[in-house]
Amino acid sequence: MDHGSASIIDALRDVMDRRRLKLTDVARDIGIPYRSLQNYMSKRSTMPLDVYIKLCARIGITPDYPVAERFKLDTYAVRTAFERVFGNTFFNYVSVSDDLTVKLDTSRQHNAESARNAAHVVTALFAGAYDLSREVALTRLEDE
């Protein structure tokens, strides 16, 4: 990471502040000297990529979070995972109403287009719930 990534450092600091994490504890946990982490976080030194990845993992965020300022779930990957777990026919029995209520409907089988639409809606709703739960977790203190 270069010095031009000041906003990324600010985002990292914000997450650490929100979770009330101490630099000394985080430095110890990721295996680097406190002074090094202090220099990275005060923008006096360039943070190496491997330290950045370890830091993100330690404070509970994905490496893209500071750039995107939100969690991003790959909806295509989630849909594919749903299909792998539940099978391709699962969404033939799922219906989605106009108010985005998802219902399991075993009384009739839907056509392929309806199943694809249901898969997209379920994935989008799941991704939104995932993003929200990850965001809420950032405000949870470590000892909770």
Protein backbone atom coordinates (compact mmCIF):
# COMPACT_ATOMS: atom_id res chain seq x y z
CA MET A 1 0.00 0.00 0.00
CA ASP A 2 1.30 3.44 -0.81
CA HIS A 3 0.92 6.77 0.95
CA GLY A 4 -1.91 7.67 -1.45
CA SER A 5 -4.15 5.25 0.40
CA ALA A 6 -4.79 7.60 3.32
CA SER A 7 -8.54 7.04 3.14
CA ILE A 8 -7.96 3.29 3.52
CA ILE A 9 -5.96 3.90 6.69
CA ASP A 10 -8.73 6.21 7.92
CA ALA A 11 -11.29 3.46 7.27
CA LEU A 12 -9.13 0.96 9.19
CA ARG A 13 -8.82 3.38 12.08
CA ASP A 14 -12.58 3.92 12.05
CA VAL A 15 -13.26 0.19 12.30
CA MET A 16 -10.74 -0.17 15.11
CA ASP A 17 -12.27 2.79 16.94
CA ARG A 18 -15.80 1.44 16.50
CA ARG A 19 -14.73 -1.91 17.91
CA ARG A 20 -12.53 -0.23 20.56
CA LEU A 21 -9.47 -2.20 19.53
CA LYS A 22 -6.09 -1.16 20.86
CA LEU A 23 -3.09 -0.95 18.55
CA THR A 24 -0.96 -2.83 21.06
CA ASP A 25 -3.34 -5.80 21.09
CA VAL A 26 -3.78 -5.86 17.32
CA ALA A 27 -0.03 -5.59 16.68
CA ARG A 28 0.62 -8.50 19.04
CA ASP A 29 -2.14 -10.59 17.45
CA ILE A 30 -0.87 -10.11 13.89
CA GLY A 31 2.74 -10.61 14.90
CA ILE A 32 4.32 -7.22 14.20
CA PRO A 33 5.94 -4.67 16.50
CA TYR A 34 3.59 -2.10 18.02
CA ARG A 35 5.75 0.76 16.73
CA SER A 36 5.48 -0.54 13.15
CA LEU A 37 1.68 -0.70 13.32
CA GLN A 38 1.61 2.72 14.90
CA ASN A 39 3.68 4.12 12.02
CA TYR A 40 1.41 2.48 9.43
CA MET A 41 -1.75 3.73 11.10
CA SER A 42 -0.40 7.26 11.49
CA LYS A 43 0.59 7.25 7.80
CA ARG A 44 4.30 7.72 8.57
CA SER A 45 5.22 4.44 6.88
CA THR A 46 3.82 2.45 4.00
CA MET A 47 1.90 -0.61 5.15
CA PRO A 48 3.01 -3.82 3.41
CA LEU A 49 0.24 -5.78 1.72
CA ASP A 50 0.71 -8.86 3.91
CA VAL A 51 0.31 -6.73 7.04
CA TYR A 52 -2.81 -5.11 5.55
CA ILE A 53 -4.37 -8.53 4.88
CA LYS A 54 -3.55 -9.76 8.40
CA LEU A 55 -4.88 -6.53 9.90
CA CYS A 56 -8.16 -6.78 8.00
CA ALA A 57 -8.62 -10.38 9.10
CA ARG A 58 -7.83 -9.48 12.72
CA ILE A 59 -10.30 -6.59 12.91
CA GLY A 60 -13.02 -8.57 11.16
CA ILE A 61 -13.30 -7.02 7.72
CA THR A 62 -12.55 -8.09 4.18
CA PRO A 63 -9.65 -6.33 2.43
CA ASP A 64 -12.06 -4.59 0.03
CA TYR A 65 -14.15 -3.07 2.84
CA PRO A 66 -12.05 0.10 3.35
CA VAL A 67 -12.23 0.86 -0.38
CA ALA A 68 -15.91 0.03 -0.91
CA GLU A 69 -16.97 1.33 2.53
CA ARG A 70 -19.37 -1.58 2.76
CA PHE A 71 -19.26 -5.33 2.58
CA LYS A 72 -19.79 -6.70 -0.87
CA LEU A 73 -21.07 -10.18 -1.32
CA ASP A 74 -20.66 -11.71 -4.76
CA THR A 75 -24.30 -12.48 -5.55
CA TYR A 76 -23.40 -14.78 -8.44
CA ALA A 77 -21.25 -16.87 -6.10
CA VAL A 78 -24.06 -16.96 -3.53
CA ARG A 79 -26.60 -18.04 -6.13
CA THR A 80 -24.24 -20.74 -7.32
CA ALA A 81 -23.74 -21.87 -3.71
CA PHE A 82 -27.52 -21.97 -3.15
CA GLU A 83 -27.91 -24.09 -6.27
CA ARG A 84 -25.11 -26.42 -5.15
CA VAL A 85 -26.55 -26.86 -1.68
CA PHE A 86 -30.26 -27.04 -2.54
CA GLY A 87 -30.07 -28.36 -6.09
CA ASN A 88 -31.20 -26.70 -9.29
CA THR A 89 -34.82 -27.67 -8.74
CA PHE A 90 -35.09 -25.97 -5.34
CA PHE A 91 -36.04 -22.66 -6.90
CA ASN A 92 -38.82 -24.35 -8.86
CA TYR A 93 -40.65 -24.51 -5.52
CA VAL A 94 -39.88 -21.00 -4.35
CA SER A 95 -42.15 -18.13 -5.23
CA VAL A 96 -41.52 -14.45 -4.66
CA SER A 97 -44.45 -12.06 -4.33
CA ASP A 98 -44.48 -8.43 -5.46
CA ASP A 99 -43.57 -7.31 -1.91
CA LEU A 100 -40.49 -9.61 -2.06
CA THR A 101 -41.92 -12.14 0.35
CA VAL A 102 -40.29 -15.48 -0.33
CA LYS A 103 -42.46 -18.57 0.05
CA LEU A 104 -41.77 -22.25 -0.35
CA ASP A 105 -44.54 -23.50 -2.62
CA THR A 106 -44.66 -27.28 -2.99
CA SER A 107 -48.14 -27.32 -4.51
CA ARG A 108 -46.95 -26.54 -8.04
CA GLN A 109 -43.77 -26.41 -10.02
CA HIS A 110 -42.80 -23.10 -11.61
CA ASN A 111 -41.25 -22.63 -15.01
CA ALA A 112 -37.52 -22.11 -15.51
CA GLU A 113 -37.79 -18.32 -15.80
CA SER A 114 -39.76 -18.09 -12.57
CA ALA A 115 -37.17 -20.28 -10.84
CA ARG A 116 -34.31 -18.08 -12.10
CA ASN A 117 -36.13 -14.94 -10.90
CA ALA A 118 -36.70 -16.52 -7.50
CA ALA A 119 -33.01 -17.45 -7.29
CA HIS A 120 -31.99 -13.86 -8.07
CA VAL A 121 -34.39 -12.37 -5.51
CA VAL A 122 -33.44 -14.83 -2.76
CA THR A 123 -29.76 -14.15 -3.46
CA ALA A 124 -30.24 -10.37 -3.39
CA LEU A 125 -32.21 -10.53 -0.13
CA PHE A 126 -29.61 -12.82 1.41
CA ALA A 127 -26.77 -10.54 0.28
CA GLY A 128 -28.51 -7.53 1.83
CA ALA A 129 -29.03 -9.35 5.12
CA TYR A 130 -25.40 -10.50 5.05
CA ASP A 131 -24.13 -6.94 4.44
CA LEU A 132 -26.27 -5.63 7.31
CA SER A 133 -25.13 -8.32 9.73
CA ARG A 134 -21.46 -7.69 8.88
CA GLU A 135 -21.96 -3.94 9.36
CA VAL A 136 -23.63 -4.50 12.74
CA ALA A 137 -20.75 -6.76 13.78
CA LEU A 138 -18.33 -3.86 13.33
CA THR A 139 -19.94 -2.05 16.24
CA ARG A 140 -19.85 -5.11 18.48
CA LEU A 141 -17.07 -4.99 21.02
CA GLU A 142 -14.54 -7.82 21.12
CA ASP A 143 -15.59 -9.19 24.49
CA GLU A 144 -19.31 -9.44 23.65
